[in-house]
Amino acid sequence: MCERLAHSHFDVHDIEVSVADGIVTLSGQVRERGQKYRLEEIADGLFGVRDVDNQVRVGRRQAQHQSTQEQTEKGTNDSP
């Protein structure tokens, strides 16, 4: 699964994968909804996978990270 994700052409550094009894659980964060469903398709296409529990979230964490980064930059720029 990890090898397939590495060759999927989108950012998966925030994705976690666990497998138990043929059930793949995906969690983490992606930027676009299509990426979430593509991850599920990749997992579902693997031999031995009986089900996919897709808990991946779209966009929220990225927005929070950007907001925190902007606040940090403002604090840095306000320094004399």
C-alpha atoms as a PDB file:
ATOM      1  CA  MET A   1       0.000   0.000   0.000  1.00  0.00           C
ATOM      2  CA  CYS A   2       2.758   2.445   0.936  1.00  0.00           C
ATOM      3  CA  GLU A   3       4.602   1.805  -2.328  1.00  0.00           C
ATOM      4  CA  ARG A   4       1.446   2.526  -4.323  1.00  0.00           C
ATOM      5  CA  LEU A   5       0.901   5.750  -2.371  1.00  0.00           C
ATOM      6  CA  ALA A   6       4.472   6.830  -2.994  1.00  0.00           C
ATOM      7  CA  HIS A   7       3.823   6.598  -6.742  1.00  0.00           C
ATOM      8  CA  SER A   8       0.384   8.236  -6.645  1.00  0.00           C
ATOM      9  CA  HIS A   9       1.600  11.718  -7.716  1.00  0.00           C
ATOM     10  CA  PHE A  10       0.062  13.623  -4.834  1.00  0.00           C
ATOM     11  CA  ASP A  11       1.226  14.613  -1.378  1.00  0.00           C
ATOM     12  CA  VAL A  12       0.640  11.781   1.089  1.00  0.00           C
ATOM     13  CA  HIS A  13       3.033  12.785   3.881  1.00  0.00           C
ATOM     14  CA  ASP A  14       0.040  13.388   6.191  1.00  0.00           C
ATOM     15  CA  ILE A  15      -1.563  10.001   5.484  1.00  0.00           C
ATOM     16  CA  GLU A  16      -1.434   7.074   7.892  1.00  0.00           C
ATOM     17  CA  VAL A  17      -2.263   3.534   6.838  1.00  0.00           C
ATOM     18  CA  SER A  18      -3.021   0.569   9.061  1.00  0.00           C
ATOM     19  CA  VAL A  19      -4.080  -2.918   8.039  1.00  0.00           C
ATOM     20  CA  ALA A  20      -5.737  -5.606  10.151  1.00  0.00           C
ATOM     21  CA  ASP A  21      -7.545  -8.723   8.949  1.00  0.00           C
ATOM     22  CA  GLY A  22      -7.852  -7.411   5.405  1.00  0.00           C
ATOM     23  CA  ILE A  23      -9.283  -4.071   6.490  1.00  0.00           C
ATOM     24  CA  VAL A  24      -7.275  -0.994   5.516  1.00  0.00           C
ATOM     25  CA  THR A  25      -7.781   2.103   7.651  1.00  0.00           C
ATOM     26  CA  LEU A  26      -6.724   5.401   6.112  1.00  0.00           C
ATOM     27  CA  SER A  27      -6.390   8.537   8.230  1.00  0.00           C
ATOM     28  CA  GLY A  28      -4.796  11.928   7.959  1.00  0.00           C
ATOM     29  CA  GLN A  29      -5.223  14.989   5.766  1.00  0.00           C
ATOM     30  CA  VAL A  30      -5.379  15.789   2.048  1.00  0.00           C
ATOM     31  CA  ARG A  31      -5.963  19.079   0.232  1.00  0.00           C
ATOM     32  CA  GLU A  32      -8.666  17.950  -2.196  1.00  0.00           C
ATOM     33  CA  ARG A  33     -11.680  15.645  -1.956  1.00  0.00           C
ATOM     34  CA  GLY A  34     -10.612  13.762  -5.103  1.00  0.00           C
ATOM     35  CA  GLN A  35      -7.380  12.746  -3.374  1.00  0.00           C
ATOM     36  CA  LYS A  36      -9.358  11.233  -0.509  1.00  0.00           C
ATOM     37  CA  TYR A  37     -11.334   9.036  -2.872  1.00  0.00           C
ATOM     38  CA  ARG A  38      -8.281   8.153  -4.958  1.00  0.00           C
ATOM     39  CA  LEU A  39      -6.567   6.871  -1.798  1.00  0.00           C
ATOM     40  CA  GLU A  40      -9.574   4.658  -1.150  1.00  0.00           C
ATOM     41  CA  GLU A  41      -9.506   3.332  -4.731  1.00  0.00           C
ATOM     42  CA  ILE A  42      -5.803   2.508  -4.426  1.00  0.00           C
ATOM     43  CA  ALA A  43      -6.347   0.616  -1.170  1.00  0.00           C
ATOM     44  CA  ASP A  44      -9.422  -1.202  -2.460  1.00  0.00           C
ATOM     45  CA  GLY A  45      -7.527  -2.397  -5.539  1.00  0.00           C
ATOM     46  CA  LEU A  46      -4.880  -4.247  -3.558  1.00  0.00           C
ATOM     47  CA  PHE A  47      -4.926  -8.030  -3.295  1.00  0.00           C
ATOM     48  CA  GLY A  48      -6.312  -9.282   0.016  1.00  0.00           C
ATOM     49  CA  VAL A  49      -8.151  -6.080   0.964  1.00  0.00           C
ATOM     50  CA  ARG A  50     -11.690  -6.869   2.113  1.00  0.00           C
ATOM     51  CA  ASP A  51     -12.728  -3.366   3.128  1.00  0.00           C
ATOM     52  CA  VAL A  52     -11.426   0.199   3.397  1.00  0.00           C
ATOM     53  CA  ASP A  53     -12.207   2.505   6.310  1.00  0.00           C
ATOM     54  CA  ASN A  54     -11.449   5.950   4.892  1.00  0.00           C
ATOM     55  CA  GLN A  55     -11.106   8.436   7.765  1.00  0.00           C
ATOM     56  CA  VAL A  56      -9.090  10.947   5.723  1.00  0.00           C
ATOM     57  CA  ARG A  57     -10.119  14.587   6.158  1.00  0.00           C
ATOM     58  CA  VAL A  58     -10.094  17.230   3.467  1.00  0.00           C
ATOM     59  CA  GLY A  59      -8.431  20.618   3.865  1.00  0.00           C
ATOM     60  CA  ARG A  60      -9.090  21.591   7.477  1.00  0.00           C
ATOM     61  CA  ARG A  61      -5.668  20.887   8.940  1.00  0.00           C
ATOM     62  CA  GLN A  62      -3.948  22.648   6.050  1.00  0.00           C
ATOM     63  CA  ALA A  63      -6.037  25.789   6.667  1.00  0.00           C
ATOM     64  CA  GLN A  64      -5.223  25.715  10.375  1.00  0.00           C
ATOM     65  CA  HIS A  65      -1.513  25.286   9.588  1.00  0.00           C
ATOM     66  CA  GLN A  66      -1.586  28.270   7.218  1.00  0.00           C
ATOM     67  CA  SER A  67      -3.370  30.410   9.819  1.00  0.00           C
ATOM     68  CA  THR A  68      -0.792  29.517  12.479  1.00  0.00           C
ATOM     69  CA  GLN A  69       2.054  30.193  10.046  1.00  0.00           C
ATOM     70  CA  GLU A  70       0.589  33.593   9.104  1.00  0.00           C
ATOM     71  CA  GLN A  71       0.277  34.527  12.782  1.00  0.00           C
ATOM     72  CA  THR A  72       3.892  33.496  13.368  1.00  0.00           C
ATOM     73  CA  GLU A  73       5.076  35.544  10.389  1.00  0.00           C
ATOM     74  CA  LYS A  74       3.117  38.588  11.592  1.00  0.00           C
ATOM     75  CA  GLY A  75       4.725  38.298  14.996  1.00  0.00           C
ATOM     76  CA  THR A  76       8.152  38.097  13.377  1.00  0.00           C
ATOM     77  CA  ASN A  77       7.477  41.063  11.121  1.00  0.00           C
ATOM     78  CA  ASP A  78       6.248  43.206  14.037  1.00  0.00           C
ATOM     79  CA  SER A  79       9.583  42.919  15.828  1.00  0.00           C
ATOM     80  CA  PRO A  80      11.831  46.020  15.780  1.00  0.00           C
END
